[in-house]
């Protein structure tokens, strides 16, 4: 199949038509080697975050709830149980968003990997895709959905959870490529999936297990839209940009021309944040800043009188609370996360054990931590995620620090070696050292894989 360069579609068409034309072109596009490498990193990171989520609620609950769709079918859950394509996308997508280690595209305030890769894997298994086709599907899904998310902007994020509302586009574009949709069919898949966009922020502003379902639902409906478009289902071509469409209904005048202008020439897949903490990303800059201050000034938690954190709006609105009694709540509680990081050195999966959640030293330090809006930092959001910290110690010493980016952001990226370490940390407890080593080697050579058989029965 000859390679061709992708070109930005004509602006005489609707946004959905332009995205559909681009998504179809990725099948034959001459994708730069560094873009394919970035796609492999996204897939490795997806496996790292999905494996521990696969053995926890709510994914384990969904296996019980959807029992009649399991143990048969052409796709598999991550640990080998056979499933229908949509059930696999739903459950794996949910598992991927559970332990809060999944990737981020900051300008879209969105976790693209969880829905996009879950959908691509399920359809790729069913359609016996090559590793190269699978990676191209990931690129198509990331490029389409991140641009839609960035266009919808902060106005959309006021109420909606973007992984639930933007994720369906990533899943539909990825699934559509693997079933062989042409440009018009891709457009109809994207147009149809826009009507499935859902996910309210209230799901993670308290003790709830429904937030991961947003990613699973996004993967599921993306698959549904692609498979339906394959068989002729028509969507509304102007669903994004017409009056009464998604842009008007769920945002504030998105610039769809800008959203599609650099398609095929710039790649958001290369600008993905790899999470370095197992919690809400809106707390990352504060955690990184607190640890940086502690590393330089060598203070211990008992020295601290107060910590003032200045952040952007979502830092305050989403994580500026003191609810930390359960893992689901603690992952969105900045005072707990900063206190726990300063006392225990990190925020990994062990941060949410009963012992850590009830740690009295952490509880005492939390009382000294205050979170407030910093207008200058808020102006940078969502493209830049920063924090400003002021730490006062006993004896009157005061230290201040500006954390301009989060560790793992494109401006402070994790290396391939660090990504491997994250993968091993999260995968080994689930599939063992030998299984993790085999899988990681397969993923780094995914572009040369003749099929996706490696993705079945990872414990074997």
Foldseek 3Di string as FASTA:
>chain_A
DAADFDDQDDPVFALLLRLLQLLLNLLRHPDDPVLLLLLLLLVLLQLLQLLVLCPDPPLVVLCVVPVVQWQDDQAAAQQFIGGHLLSQLLSSLLSSPQQQQAKDLQLLLERQSSQQLSLLRSLQRNLFHALQLSSSLQQSLQLSLSLLSNLQGPQLVPWFNSLLQSNLSSLLSSNLSSVNDHSQLSSFLNQVCNVRRGGTPVCQQADHSCRSSSRSSSNNSSNVSNVVSVVPDGGDNNQDPDVVHPSNVRGDDGDSCVSRVCRSPDGSSLFMFRDPARADPLLQQVQVFLLVVCVVPVDALVFFQAKEKAWADCLCVFAQDDDQQASSNVSRHNLLQNLLCRHVVGHYSVCGDNCNSPPVSSVVSSVRYGYDYDVVNNVCPRNWTKMKMWTAGPVGDIDIDIRGHGQRGSVNNDDPVRSLVSSCVSNCVRQNDVLSVVVSVCSSVRSPGSGDVNSRNSND
